[in-house]
Amino acid sequence: MRTVKEAEERRNEILDAADELFGQKGFDGTSTNDILAKVGIARGTLYHHFKSKEDIMDALIERYNVCLLGKAQEMAADTSIPLVERLIRVVKALNISGGSSKDMMEHIHKPQNALMHQKIQKVVIQGVPPILTGIIREGMEEGLFNTPFPYECMEMVVIYATAVFDDDRVVMTDEERASRMPAFICNIERLLGADSGSLMEAMQQMLGKGKGQSGD
């Protein structure tokens, strides 16, 4: 048991060092020698845990994804929050350029980390629609939504959100991004067969709460 614990600790040390180095120098600019020096281990120890630098990157991405998808699942499962608000919170969280994941994801958006960014987006596109679909099915049971394609609708929503609201894919000013959000919400209403304005009203209430809280 002790050996397993030590192996896991060492593995996390390597990942923490790589995470810091990738943030400073980028994935392409970081060598395995850099990681070895940072952790203070021999090359054989590194290769005992990871086959290559790419293997380290994949393990880091998995760690990011557990965090990102975990937060989305927590928001989706919090029944103390109204259903429509849960839906909008999860969709807004998909903007990995900002929000609660800003600090964690900051260096992912650097050009030298483009491959990491691409891989994370792929997992988000695969992992988030099932979470959102659960919310939509709840809404269908309550009569809030009416669509024969709940999963496909959420897949479209996630793909658009990660493409258009991500600073790396489409460069926009804050004003341009703000103008697209109402259009985005309006089209989600149509996709889901929701009452016109129902999601828009919830979004405006959420923004209003945020402004009120920040002014306290």
N, C-alpha and C. Protein backbone atom coordinates (compact mmCIF):
# COMPACT_ATOMS: atom_id res chain seq x y z
N MET A 1 0.83 -1.21 0.00
CA MET A 1 0.00 0.00 0.00
C MET A 1 0.86 1.26 0.00
N ARG A 2 1.94 1.23 0.78
CA ARG A 2 2.85 2.38 0.86
C ARG A 2 3.51 2.65 -0.48
N THR A 3 3.90 1.57 -1.19
CA THR A 3 4.54 1.73 -2.49
C THR A 3 3.59 2.38 -3.49
N VAL A 4 2.33 1.96 -3.48
CA VAL A 4 1.34 2.53 -4.39
C VAL A 4 1.17 4.01 -4.10
N LYS A 5 1.10 4.37 -2.82
CA LYS A 5 0.93 5.77 -2.46
C LYS A 5 2.12 6.59 -2.93
N GLU A 6 3.32 6.10 -2.75
CA GLU A 6 4.51 6.83 -3.16
C GLU A 6 4.55 6.99 -4.68
N ALA A 7 4.13 5.95 -5.39
CA ALA A 7 4.11 6.02 -6.86
C ALA A 7 3.12 7.08 -7.33
N GLU A 8 1.98 7.16 -6.68
CA GLU A 8 0.97 8.15 -7.06
C GLU A 8 1.46 9.56 -6.74
N GLU A 9 2.12 9.72 -5.61
CA GLU A 9 2.67 11.02 -5.25
C GLU A 9 3.73 11.48 -6.25
N ARG A 10 4.59 10.55 -6.64
CA ARG A 10 5.64 10.88 -7.60
C ARG A 10 5.01 11.25 -8.94
N ARG A 11 4.01 10.52 -9.34
CA ARG A 11 3.34 10.80 -10.61
C ARG A 11 2.74 12.21 -10.59
N ASN A 12 2.12 12.57 -9.48
CA ASN A 12 1.53 13.89 -9.38
C ASN A 12 2.60 14.99 -9.34
N GLU A 13 3.74 14.69 -8.74
CA GLU A 13 4.84 15.65 -8.75
C GLU A 13 5.30 15.94 -10.17
N ILE A 14 5.39 14.89 -10.97
CA ILE A 14 5.80 15.05 -12.37
C ILE A 14 4.76 15.87 -13.13
N LEU A 15 3.49 15.58 -12.89
CA LEU A 15 2.43 16.32 -13.57
C LEU A 15 2.41 17.78 -13.14
N ASP A 16 2.60 18.03 -11.87
CA ASP A 16 2.61 19.42 -11.38
C ASP A 16 3.77 20.20 -12.00
N ALA A 17 4.93 19.55 -12.09
CA ALA A 17 6.10 20.21 -12.69
C ALA A 17 5.86 20.48 -14.17
N ALA A 18 5.32 19.50 -14.88
CA ALA A 18 5.05 19.67 -16.30
C ALA A 18 4.01 20.76 -16.53
N ASP A 19 3.00 20.80 -15.69
CA ASP A 19 1.96 21.81 -15.79
C ASP A 19 2.56 23.21 -15.69
N GLU A 20 3.44 23.39 -14.72
CA GLU A 20 4.09 24.69 -14.53
C GLU A 20 4.99 25.04 -15.71
N LEU A 21 5.76 24.06 -16.19
CA LEU A 21 6.67 24.31 -17.30
C LEU A 21 5.93 24.57 -18.60
N PHE A 22 4.86 23.83 -18.85
CA PHE A 22 4.07 24.06 -20.05
C PHE A 22 3.48 25.47 -20.01
N GLY A 23 3.11 25.93 -18.81
CA GLY A 23 2.58 27.27 -18.67
C GLY A 23 3.63 28.33 -18.95
N GLN A 24 4.87 28.06 -18.56
CA GLN A 24 5.95 29.03 -18.74
C GLN A 24 6.55 29.00 -20.15
N LYS A 25 6.78 27.79 -20.66
CA LYS A 25 7.53 27.63 -21.91
C LYS A 25 6.71 27.04 -23.04
N GLY A 26 5.49 26.58 -22.74
CA GLY A 26 4.69 25.91 -23.76
C GLY A 26 5.07 24.45 -23.85
N PHE A 27 4.18 23.65 -24.40
CA PHE A 27 4.45 22.22 -24.53
C PHE A 27 5.64 21.98 -25.44
N ASP A 28 5.65 22.66 -26.59
CA ASP A 28 6.73 22.45 -27.57
C ASP A 28 8.08 22.92 -27.02
N GLY A 29 8.06 23.96 -26.19
CA GLY A 29 9.31 24.51 -25.68
C GLY A 29 9.84 23.82 -24.44
N THR A 30 9.09 22.87 -23.91
CA THR A 30 9.52 22.15 -22.71
C THR A 30 10.10 20.79 -23.11
N SER A 31 11.27 20.47 -22.60
CA SER A 31 11.89 19.17 -22.87
C SER A 31 11.72 18.26 -21.66
N THR A 32 11.94 16.98 -21.89
CA THR A 32 11.90 16.05 -20.76
C THR A 32 13.01 16.37 -19.76
N ASN A 33 14.14 16.89 -20.26
CA ASN A 33 15.22 17.30 -19.36
C ASN A 33 14.76 18.41 -18.42
N ASP A 34 13.95 19.32 -18.94
CA ASP A 34 13.40 20.39 -18.10
C ASP A 34 12.56 19.80 -16.96
N ILE A 35 11.75 18.81 -17.30
CA ILE A 35 10.88 18.18 -16.30
C ILE A 35 11.72 17.42 -15.27
N LEU A 36 12.73 16.71 -15.76
CA LEU A 36 13.61 15.97 -14.85
C LEU A 36 14.28 16.91 -13.85
N ALA A 37 14.77 18.02 -14.35
CA ALA A 37 15.45 18.98 -13.48
C ALA A 37 14.49 19.61 -12.48
N LYS A 38 13.27 19.87 -12.93
CA LYS A 38 12.28 20.50 -12.07
C LYS A 38 11.90 19.59 -10.91
N VAL A 39 11.70 18.30 -11.20
CA VAL A 39 11.29 17.35 -10.17
C VAL A 39 12.48 16.82 -9.38
N GLY A 40 13.66 16.78 -10.04
CA GLY A 40 14.85 16.24 -9.40
C GLY A 40 14.87 14.73 -9.37
N ILE A 41 14.55 14.12 -10.52
CA ILE A 41 14.52 12.66 -10.62
C ILE A 41 15.35 12.20 -11.82
N ALA A 42 15.63 10.91 -11.86
CA ALA A 42 16.36 10.32 -12.97
C ALA A 42 15.41 10.04 -14.13
N ARG A 43 15.98 9.92 -15.32
CA ARG A 43 15.15 9.67 -16.50
C ARG A 43 14.38 8.35 -16.36
N GLY A 44 15.02 7.35 -15.78
CA GLY A 44 14.34 6.07 -15.61
C GLY A 44 13.10 6.18 -14.76
N THR A 45 13.13 7.05 -13.75
CA THR A 45 11.96 7.25 -12.89
C THR A 45 10.82 7.89 -13.67
N LEU A 46 11.18 8.87 -14.51
CA LEU A 46 10.17 9.52 -15.33
C LEU A 46 9.48 8.51 -16.24
N TYR A 47 10.29 7.69 -16.93
CA TYR A 47 9.74 6.73 -17.88
C TYR A 47 9.06 5.55 -17.20
N HIS A 48 9.27 5.40 -15.90
CA HIS A 48 8.51 4.39 -15.16
C HIS A 48 7.04 4.80 -15.06
N HIS A 49 6.80 6.11 -15.02
CA HIS A 49 5.44 6.62 -14.87
C HIS A 49 4.82 7.05 -16.19
N PHE A 50 5.64 7.54 -17.11
CA PHE A 50 5.12 8.05 -18.38
C PHE A 50 6.03 7.60 -19.52
N LYS A 51 5.41 7.25 -20.64
CA LYS A 51 6.17 6.75 -21.78
C LYS A 51 6.88 7.88 -22.53
N SER A 52 6.32 9.08 -22.49
CA SER A 52 6.86 10.19 -23.28
C SER A 52 6.30 11.50 -22.77
N LYS A 53 6.79 12.59 -23.33
CA LYS A 53 6.25 13.91 -22.99
C LYS A 53 4.79 14.01 -23.40
N GLU A 54 4.45 13.39 -24.53
CA GLU A 54 3.06 13.39 -24.98
C GLU A 54 2.17 12.64 -24.00
N ASP A 55 2.71 11.58 -23.40
CA ASP A 55 1.95 10.82 -22.40
C ASP A 55 1.69 11.69 -21.17
N ILE A 56 2.66 12.51 -20.80
CA ILE A 56 2.48 13.44 -19.68
C ILE A 56 1.39 14.45 -20.03
N MET A 57 1.43 14.97 -21.25
CA MET A 57 0.41 15.92 -21.69
C MET A 57 -0.98 15.30 -21.60
N ASP A 58 -1.12 14.06 -22.07
CA ASP A 58 -2.43 13.41 -22.03
C ASP A 58 -2.92 13.23 -20.60
N ALA A 59 -2.00 12.91 -19.68
CA ALA A 59 -2.38 12.76 -18.28
C ALA A 59 -2.81 14.09 -17.68
N LEU A 60 -2.13 15.17 -18.07
CA LEU A 60 -2.52 16.50 -17.60
C LEU A 60 -3.90 16.88 -18.11
N ILE A 61 -4.14 16.58 -19.38
CA ILE A 61 -5.43 16.88 -19.98
C ILE A 61 -6.54 16.11 -19.28
N GLU A 62 -6.26 14.87 -18.94
CA GLU A 62 -7.24 14.07 -18.21
C GLU A 62 -7.56 14.71 -16.86
N ARG A 63 -6.53 15.26 -16.22
CA ARG A 63 -6.73 15.92 -14.93
C ARG A 63 -7.58 17.18 -15.09
N TYR A 64 -7.30 17.95 -16.14
CA TYR A 64 -8.12 19.13 -16.42
C TYR A 64 -9.58 18.73 -16.66
N ASN A 65 -9.75 17.69 -17.47
CA ASN A 65 -11.09 17.29 -17.86
C ASN A 65 -11.91 16.79 -16.68
N VAL A 66 -11.27 16.08 -15.77
CA VAL A 66 -11.97 15.62 -14.57
C VAL A 66 -12.52 16.83 -13.81
N CYS A 67 -11.71 17.89 -13.74
CA CYS A 67 -12.13 19.11 -13.06
C CYS A 67 -13.26 19.80 -13.82
N LEU A 68 -13.08 20.01 -15.12
CA LEU A 68 -14.07 20.72 -15.92
C LEU A 68 -15.41 19.99 -15.95
N LEU A 69 -15.37 18.69 -16.25
CA LEU A 69 -16.61 17.92 -16.34
C LEU A 69 -17.23 17.73 -14.96
N GLY A 70 -16.37 17.64 -13.94
CA GLY A 70 -16.88 17.51 -12.58
C GLY A 70 -17.69 18.72 -12.18
N LYS A 71 -17.20 19.91 -12.51
CA LYS A 71 -17.92 21.15 -12.20
C LYS A 71 -19.24 21.21 -12.95
N ALA A 72 -19.22 20.79 -14.22
CA ALA A 72 -20.45 20.78 -15.01
C ALA A 72 -21.48 19.82 -14.41
N GLN A 73 -21.02 18.66 -13.98
CA GLN A 73 -21.92 17.68 -13.36
C GLN A 73 -22.49 18.19 -12.05
N GLU A 74 -21.67 18.86 -11.27
CA GLU A 74 -22.15 19.43 -10.00
C GLU A 74 -23.25 20.45 -10.25
N MET A 75 -23.04 21.33 -11.21
CA MET A 75 -24.04 22.34 -11.52
C MET A 75 -25.33 21.70 -12.03
N ALA A 76 -25.18 20.69 -12.89
CA ALA A 76 -26.35 20.04 -13.47
C ALA A 76 -27.16 19.28 -12.42
N ALA A 77 -26.49 18.76 -11.40
CA ALA A 77 -27.16 17.92 -10.40
C ALA A 77 -27.72 18.71 -9.22
N ASP A 78 -27.42 20.01 -9.15
CA ASP A 78 -27.85 20.81 -8.01
C ASP A 78 -29.32 21.19 -8.16
N THR A 79 -30.19 20.37 -7.62
CA THR A 79 -31.63 20.58 -7.79
C THR A 79 -32.16 21.75 -6.96
N SER A 80 -31.29 22.36 -6.13
CA SER A 80 -31.72 23.55 -5.39
C SER A 80 -31.77 24.77 -6.31
N ILE A 81 -31.15 24.63 -7.48
CA ILE A 81 -31.15 25.70 -8.49
C ILE A 81 -32.22 25.40 -9.53
N PRO A 82 -33.02 26.38 -9.93
CA PRO A 82 -34.04 26.14 -10.97
C PRO A 82 -33.44 25.51 -12.22
N LEU A 83 -34.20 24.67 -12.87
CA LEU A 83 -33.70 23.87 -13.98
C LEU A 83 -33.12 24.73 -15.10
N VAL A 84 -33.83 25.76 -15.50
CA VAL A 84 -33.35 26.61 -16.60
C VAL A 84 -32.06 27.30 -16.22
N GLU A 85 -31.94 27.72 -14.95
CA GLU A 85 -30.70 28.37 -14.51
C GLU A 85 -29.54 27.38 -14.53
N ARG A 86 -29.81 26.13 -14.17
CA ARG A 86 -28.76 25.10 -14.25
C ARG A 86 -28.25 24.95 -15.67
N LEU A 87 -29.18 24.91 -16.61
CA LEU A 87 -28.82 24.76 -18.02
C LEU A 87 -27.91 25.90 -18.47
N ILE A 88 -28.28 27.13 -18.15
CA ILE A 88 -27.50 28.28 -18.59
C ILE A 88 -26.15 28.32 -17.90
N ARG A 89 -26.10 27.94 -16.63
CA ARG A 89 -24.82 27.93 -15.91
C ARG A 89 -23.83 26.96 -16.56
N VAL A 90 -24.31 25.79 -16.93
CA VAL A 90 -23.41 24.80 -17.55
C VAL A 90 -22.93 25.31 -18.90
N VAL A 91 -23.84 25.89 -19.69
CA VAL A 91 -23.46 26.41 -21.02
C VAL A 91 -22.44 27.53 -20.87
N LYS A 92 -22.65 28.44 -19.93
CA LYS A 92 -21.72 29.56 -19.72
C LYS A 92 -20.35 29.05 -19.28
N ALA A 93 -20.35 27.97 -18.52
CA ALA A 93 -19.08 27.42 -18.03
C ALA A 93 -18.23 26.84 -19.15
N LEU A 94 -18.82 26.62 -20.33
CA LEU A 94 -18.08 26.06 -21.45
C LEU A 94 -17.09 27.05 -22.04
N ASN A 95 -17.21 28.33 -21.70
CA ASN A 95 -16.24 29.31 -22.16
C ASN A 95 -14.96 29.12 -21.36
N ILE A 96 -14.07 28.25 -21.83
CA ILE A 96 -12.88 27.92 -21.06
C ILE A 96 -11.83 29.01 -21.15
N SER A 97 -12.18 30.14 -21.79
CA SER A 97 -11.28 31.30 -21.76
C SER A 97 -11.49 32.10 -20.49
N GLY A 98 -12.57 31.84 -19.79
CA GLY A 98 -12.86 32.63 -18.60
C GLY A 98 -13.68 31.82 -17.62
N GLY A 99 -14.38 32.53 -16.72
CA GLY A 99 -15.21 31.85 -15.76
C GLY A 99 -14.41 31.16 -14.68
N SER A 100 -14.99 30.14 -14.07
CA SER A 100 -14.37 29.49 -12.92
C SER A 100 -13.09 28.77 -13.27
N SER A 101 -12.89 28.45 -14.54
CA SER A 101 -11.70 27.70 -14.94
C SER A 101 -10.60 28.59 -15.50
N LYS A 102 -10.72 29.90 -15.32
CA LYS A 102 -9.79 30.84 -15.97
C LYS A 102 -8.34 30.59 -15.57
N ASP A 103 -8.09 30.50 -14.27
CA ASP A 103 -6.72 30.32 -13.82
C ASP A 103 -6.14 29.00 -14.31
N MET A 104 -6.93 27.95 -14.22
CA MET A 104 -6.46 26.63 -14.60
C MET A 104 -6.15 26.54 -16.08
N MET A 105 -6.93 27.26 -16.90
CA MET A 105 -6.82 27.09 -18.34
C MET A 105 -6.01 28.17 -19.04
N GLU A 106 -5.51 29.14 -18.29
CA GLU A 106 -4.89 30.31 -18.91
C GLU A 106 -3.80 29.96 -19.89
N HIS A 107 -2.88 29.08 -19.51
CA HIS A 107 -1.76 28.79 -20.41
C HIS A 107 -2.14 27.84 -21.54
N ILE A 108 -3.31 27.21 -21.45
CA ILE A 108 -3.76 26.33 -22.54
C ILE A 108 -4.01 27.13 -23.81
N HIS A 109 -4.33 28.42 -23.65
CA HIS A 109 -4.66 29.23 -24.81
C HIS A 109 -3.44 29.83 -25.50
N LYS A 110 -2.27 29.54 -25.00
CA LYS A 110 -1.07 30.03 -25.68
C LYS A 110 -0.85 29.23 -26.96
N PRO A 111 -0.36 29.87 -28.02
CA PRO A 111 -0.17 29.18 -29.31
C PRO A 111 0.67 27.91 -29.20
N GLN A 112 1.68 27.92 -28.33
CA GLN A 112 2.55 26.75 -28.22
C GLN A 112 1.88 25.58 -27.51
N ASN A 113 0.68 25.82 -26.97
CA ASN A 113 -0.07 24.74 -26.33
C ASN A 113 -1.34 24.41 -27.12
N ALA A 114 -1.31 24.68 -28.40
CA ALA A 114 -2.51 24.49 -29.24
C ALA A 114 -3.01 23.05 -29.23
N LEU A 115 -2.09 22.09 -29.22
CA LEU A 115 -2.51 20.69 -29.23
C LEU A 115 -3.24 20.32 -27.95
N MET A 116 -2.76 20.82 -26.82
CA MET A 116 -3.45 20.58 -25.55
C MET A 116 -4.85 21.17 -25.58
N HIS A 117 -4.94 22.39 -26.07
CA HIS A 117 -6.23 23.08 -26.16
C HIS A 117 -7.20 22.28 -27.03
N GLN A 118 -6.72 21.81 -28.16
CA GLN A 118 -7.55 21.04 -29.09
C GLN A 118 -8.07 19.76 -28.44
N LYS A 119 -7.18 19.09 -27.71
CA LYS A 119 -7.59 17.83 -27.07
C LYS A 119 -8.62 18.06 -25.96
N ILE A 120 -8.46 19.16 -25.22
CA ILE A 120 -9.42 19.47 -24.17
C ILE A 120 -10.78 19.79 -24.77
N GLN A 121 -10.79 20.57 -25.85
CA GLN A 121 -12.06 20.88 -26.50
C GLN A 121 -12.76 19.62 -27.00
N LYS A 122 -11.99 18.67 -27.49
CA LYS A 122 -12.58 17.41 -27.98
C LYS A 122 -13.29 16.68 -26.86
N VAL A 123 -12.67 16.63 -25.68
CA VAL A 123 -13.28 15.94 -24.55
C VAL A 123 -14.52 16.69 -24.07
N VAL A 124 -14.47 18.02 -24.08
CA VAL A 124 -15.63 18.82 -23.68
C VAL A 124 -16.80 18.55 -24.62
N ILE A 125 -16.53 18.51 -25.93
CA ILE A 125 -17.58 18.27 -26.91
C ILE A 125 -18.17 16.87 -26.75
N GLN A 126 -17.37 15.92 -26.32
CA GLN A 126 -17.87 14.56 -26.10
C GLN A 126 -18.51 14.39 -24.73
N GLY A 127 -17.98 15.12 -23.72
CA GLY A 127 -18.42 14.86 -22.35
C GLY A 127 -19.55 15.71 -21.83
N VAL A 128 -19.71 16.93 -22.35
CA VAL A 128 -20.71 17.83 -21.80
C VAL A 128 -22.13 17.59 -22.34
N PRO A 129 -22.33 17.28 -23.63
CA PRO A 129 -23.70 17.04 -24.11
C PRO A 129 -24.50 16.02 -23.29
N PRO A 130 -23.92 14.89 -22.87
CA PRO A 130 -24.70 13.97 -22.04
C PRO A 130 -25.15 14.60 -20.72
N ILE A 131 -24.31 15.47 -20.14
CA ILE A 131 -24.68 16.14 -18.89
C ILE A 131 -25.86 17.08 -19.13
N LEU A 132 -25.77 17.86 -20.21
CA LEU A 132 -26.85 18.79 -20.56
C LEU A 132 -28.13 18.05 -20.94
N THR A 133 -27.98 16.91 -21.59
CA THR A 133 -29.15 16.14 -22.02
C THR A 133 -29.98 15.72 -20.82
N GLY A 134 -29.32 15.40 -19.71
CA GLY A 134 -30.06 15.04 -18.51
C GLY A 134 -30.94 16.18 -18.04
N ILE A 135 -30.42 17.42 -18.12
CA ILE A 135 -31.23 18.58 -17.73
C ILE A 135 -32.40 18.74 -18.69
N ILE A 136 -32.14 18.57 -19.98
CA ILE A 136 -33.21 18.73 -20.98
C ILE A 136 -34.32 17.71 -20.77
N ARG A 137 -33.95 16.49 -20.46
CA ARG A 137 -34.97 15.45 -20.22
C ARG A 137 -35.82 15.79 -18.99
N GLU A 138 -35.18 16.35 -17.98
CA GLU A 138 -35.95 16.82 -16.82
C GLU A 138 -36.96 17.88 -17.27
N GLY A 139 -36.48 18.81 -18.09
CA GLY A 139 -37.34 19.88 -18.58
C GLY A 139 -38.47 19.37 -19.44
N MET A 140 -38.22 18.32 -20.19
CA MET A 140 -39.28 17.74 -21.02
C MET A 140 -40.36 17.12 -20.14
N GLU A 141 -39.94 16.48 -19.06
CA GLU A 141 -40.91 15.88 -18.13
C GLU A 141 -41.75 16.96 -17.45
N GLU A 142 -41.16 18.14 -17.24
CA GLU A 142 -41.88 19.24 -16.59
C GLU A 142 -42.66 20.08 -17.59
N GLY A 143 -42.53 19.78 -18.89
CA GLY A 143 -43.25 20.53 -19.91
C GLY A 143 -42.59 21.83 -20.31
N LEU A 144 -41.32 22.02 -19.90
CA LEU A 144 -40.60 23.25 -20.27
C LEU A 144 -40.02 23.17 -21.67
N PHE A 145 -39.63 21.96 -22.08
CA PHE A 145 -39.00 21.76 -23.38
C PHE A 145 -39.77 20.71 -24.17
N ASN A 146 -39.62 20.78 -25.50
CA ASN A 146 -40.29 19.81 -26.37
C ASN A 146 -39.43 19.61 -27.62
N THR A 147 -38.61 18.57 -27.59
CA THR A 147 -37.76 18.28 -28.74
C THR A 147 -37.56 16.77 -28.87
N PRO A 148 -37.59 16.25 -30.10
CA PRO A 148 -37.32 14.81 -30.28
C PRO A 148 -35.82 14.50 -30.28
N PHE A 149 -34.99 15.54 -30.23
CA PHE A 149 -33.54 15.34 -30.32
C PHE A 149 -32.80 16.05 -29.19
N PRO A 150 -33.02 15.66 -27.94
CA PRO A 150 -32.37 16.38 -26.83
C PRO A 150 -30.85 16.30 -26.87
N TYR A 151 -30.30 15.13 -27.17
CA TYR A 151 -28.83 15.01 -27.20
C TYR A 151 -28.25 15.81 -28.36
N GLU A 152 -28.83 15.65 -29.53
CA GLU A 152 -28.30 16.34 -30.71
C GLU A 152 -28.36 17.86 -30.54
N CYS A 153 -29.44 18.36 -29.92
CA CYS A 153 -29.54 19.79 -29.67
C CYS A 153 -28.41 20.27 -28.78
N MET A 154 -28.13 19.51 -27.74
CA MET A 154 -27.08 19.91 -26.80
C MET A 154 -25.70 19.79 -27.43
N GLU A 155 -25.53 18.84 -28.33
CA GLU A 155 -24.26 18.72 -29.04
C GLU A 155 -24.03 19.97 -29.89
N MET A 156 -25.08 20.44 -30.58
CA MET A 156 -24.96 21.67 -31.37
C MET A 156 -24.62 22.86 -30.49
N VAL A 157 -25.26 22.94 -29.34
CA VAL A 157 -25.03 24.05 -28.42
C VAL A 157 -23.58 24.07 -27.93
N VAL A 158 -23.08 22.90 -27.56
CA VAL A 158 -21.72 22.81 -27.03
C VAL A 158 -20.69 23.16 -28.11
N ILE A 159 -20.89 22.65 -29.30
CA ILE A 159 -19.95 22.92 -30.39
C ILE A 159 -19.91 24.41 -30.70
N TYR A 160 -21.06 25.05 -30.75
CA TYR A 160 -21.08 26.49 -31.00
C TYR A 160 -20.42 27.26 -29.87
N ALA A 161 -20.76 26.90 -28.63
CA ALA A 161 -20.24 27.62 -27.47
C ALA A 161 -18.72 27.52 -27.39
N THR A 162 -18.18 26.33 -27.64
CA THR A 162 -16.73 26.16 -27.55
C THR A 162 -16.00 26.76 -28.74
N ALA A 163 -16.70 26.93 -29.86
CA ALA A 163 -16.05 27.51 -31.05
C ALA A 163 -16.12 29.03 -31.06
N VAL A 164 -17.32 29.57 -30.87
CA VAL A 164 -17.52 31.00 -31.04
C VAL A 164 -17.14 31.81 -29.80
N PHE A 165 -17.37 31.25 -28.62
CA PHE A 165 -17.08 31.99 -27.40
C PHE A 165 -15.69 31.69 -26.84
N ASP A 166 -14.87 31.03 -27.63
CA ASP A 166 -13.51 30.75 -27.22
C ASP A 166 -12.59 31.74 -27.92
N ASP A 167 -11.79 32.46 -27.14
CA ASP A 167 -10.94 33.52 -27.71
C ASP A 167 -9.98 33.03 -28.78
N ASP A 168 -9.60 31.74 -28.71
CA ASP A 168 -8.64 31.23 -29.68
C ASP A 168 -9.25 30.99 -31.05
N ARG A 169 -10.53 30.72 -31.09
CA ARG A 169 -11.16 30.36 -32.35
C ARG A 169 -11.74 31.57 -33.06
N VAL A 170 -12.45 32.41 -32.32
CA VAL A 170 -13.05 33.62 -32.90
C VAL A 170 -12.71 34.79 -31.99
N VAL A 171 -11.94 35.74 -32.52
CA VAL A 171 -11.54 36.90 -31.73
C VAL A 171 -12.65 37.94 -31.78
N MET A 172 -13.17 38.30 -30.59
CA MET A 172 -14.26 39.27 -30.50
C MET A 172 -14.00 40.21 -29.34
N THR A 173 -14.55 41.40 -29.45
CA THR A 173 -14.54 42.33 -28.32
C THR A 173 -15.61 41.88 -27.33
N ASP A 174 -15.56 42.43 -26.12
CA ASP A 174 -16.58 42.10 -25.12
C ASP A 174 -17.97 42.50 -25.63
N GLU A 175 -18.04 43.59 -26.33
CA GLU A 175 -19.33 44.05 -26.87
C GLU A 175 -19.87 43.09 -27.92
N GLU A 176 -18.99 42.60 -28.78
CA GLU A 176 -19.42 41.65 -29.81
C GLU A 176 -19.87 40.34 -29.18
N ARG A 177 -19.14 39.91 -28.17
CA ARG A 177 -19.52 38.66 -27.50
C ARG A 177 -20.86 38.82 -26.79
N ALA A 178 -21.06 39.98 -26.16
CA ALA A 178 -22.32 40.25 -25.46
C ALA A 178 -23.50 40.28 -26.43
N SER A 179 -23.27 40.77 -27.64
CA SER A 179 -24.36 40.85 -28.61
C SER A 179 -24.73 39.48 -29.15
N ARG A 180 -23.79 38.55 -29.14
CA ARG A 180 -24.07 37.20 -29.65
C ARG A 180 -24.78 36.33 -28.63
N MET A 181 -24.59 36.62 -27.36
CA MET A 181 -25.19 35.78 -26.35
C MET A 181 -26.72 35.74 -26.41
N PRO A 182 -27.41 36.90 -26.53
CA PRO A 182 -28.87 36.83 -26.66
C PRO A 182 -29.33 36.03 -27.88
N ALA A 183 -28.61 36.19 -29.00
CA ALA A 183 -28.97 35.42 -30.20
C ALA A 183 -28.77 33.93 -29.96
N PHE A 184 -27.70 33.60 -29.26
CA PHE A 184 -27.40 32.21 -28.93
C PHE A 184 -28.52 31.62 -28.06
N ILE A 185 -28.92 32.36 -27.02
CA ILE A 185 -29.98 31.89 -26.12
C ILE A 185 -31.30 31.77 -26.87
N CYS A 186 -31.59 32.73 -27.74
CA CYS A 186 -32.84 32.69 -28.52
C CYS A 186 -32.91 31.44 -29.38
N ASN A 187 -31.79 31.07 -29.99
CA ASN A 187 -31.78 29.88 -30.84
C ASN A 187 -31.82 28.60 -30.03
N ILE A 188 -31.28 28.63 -28.81
CA ILE A 188 -31.42 27.45 -27.93
C ILE A 188 -32.90 27.24 -27.61
N GLU A 189 -33.62 28.34 -27.35
CA GLU A 189 -35.07 28.24 -27.09
C GLU A 189 -35.78 27.55 -28.25
N ARG A 190 -35.43 27.93 -29.47
CA ARG A 190 -36.08 27.34 -30.64
C ARG A 190 -35.71 25.86 -30.79
N LEU A 191 -34.44 25.54 -30.57
CA LEU A 191 -34.02 24.14 -30.67
C LEU A 191 -34.78 23.26 -29.69
N LEU A 192 -35.01 23.79 -28.50
CA LEU A 192 -35.62 22.99 -27.43
C LEU A 192 -37.14 23.06 -27.40
N GLY A 193 -37.71 23.91 -28.25
CA GLY A 193 -39.16 24.06 -28.23
C GLY A 193 -39.63 24.73 -26.95
N ALA A 194 -38.80 25.61 -26.39
CA ALA A 194 -39.16 26.31 -25.16
C ALA A 194 -39.97 27.55 -25.50
N ASP A 195 -40.69 28.07 -24.51
CA ASP A 195 -41.44 29.30 -24.71
C ASP A 195 -40.48 30.43 -25.06
N SER A 196 -40.88 31.25 -26.01
CA SER A 196 -40.03 32.37 -26.44
C SER A 196 -39.75 33.30 -25.26
N GLY A 197 -38.48 33.54 -25.02
CA GLY A 197 -38.09 34.44 -23.94
C GLY A 197 -37.85 33.78 -22.61
N SER A 198 -38.18 32.49 -22.49
CA SER A 198 -38.07 31.82 -21.18
C SER A 198 -36.62 31.69 -20.73
N LEU A 199 -35.73 31.29 -21.63
CA LEU A 199 -34.32 31.18 -21.27
C LEU A 199 -33.67 32.56 -21.20
N MET A 200 -34.13 33.48 -22.05
CA MET A 200 -33.58 34.83 -22.05
C MET A 200 -33.85 35.52 -20.73
N GLU A 201 -35.05 35.34 -20.21
CA GLU A 201 -35.41 35.97 -18.94
C GLU A 201 -34.55 35.42 -17.81
N ALA A 202 -34.33 34.11 -17.82
CA ALA A 202 -33.50 33.49 -16.79
C ALA A 202 -32.07 34.00 -16.87
N MET A 203 -31.55 34.15 -18.09
CA MET A 203 -30.18 34.64 -18.26
C MET A 203 -30.06 36.07 -17.74
N GLN A 204 -31.04 36.92 -18.03
CA GLN A 204 -31.00 38.31 -17.58
C GLN A 204 -31.08 38.39 -16.06
N GLN A 205 -31.88 37.50 -15.46
CA GLN A 205 -31.97 37.46 -14.00
C GLN A 205 -30.64 37.05 -13.39
N MET A 206 -29.97 36.06 -14.02
CA MET A 206 -28.66 35.61 -13.52
C MET A 206 -27.64 36.75 -13.59
N LEU A 207 -27.64 37.48 -14.71
CA LEU A 207 -26.71 38.60 -14.85
C LEU A 207 -27.00 39.69 -13.86
N GLY A 208 -28.30 39.91 -13.60
CA GLY A 208 -28.69 40.91 -12.63
C GLY A 208 -28.24 40.57 -11.22
N LYS A 209 -28.35 39.26 -10.88
CA LYS A 209 -27.89 38.80 -9.56
C LYS A 209 -26.39 39.03 -9.42
N GLY A 210 -25.66 38.73 -10.51
CA GLY A 210 -24.21 38.89 -10.46
C GLY A 210 -23.82 40.33 -10.21
N LYS A 211 -24.54 41.28 -10.87
CA LYS A 211 -24.22 42.70 -10.69
C LYS A 211 -24.55 43.15 -9.27
N GLY A 212 -25.67 42.62 -8.76
CA GLY A 212 -26.07 43.00 -7.42
C GLY A 212 -25.08 42.52 -6.38
N GLN A 213 -24.61 41.31 -6.54
CA GLN A 213 -23.67 40.74 -5.60
C GLN A 213 -22.35 41.47 -5.63
N SER A 214 -21.91 41.84 -6.84
CA SER A 214 -20.62 42.51 -6.95
C SER A 214 -20.64 43.89 -6.35
N GLY A 215 -21.84 44.48 -6.25
CA GLY A 215 -21.93 45.81 -5.71
C GLY A 215 -22.03 45.83 -4.20
N ASP A 216 -22.19 44.67 -3.55
CA ASP A 216 -22.31 44.60 -2.10
C ASP A 216 -20.99 44.94 -1.43
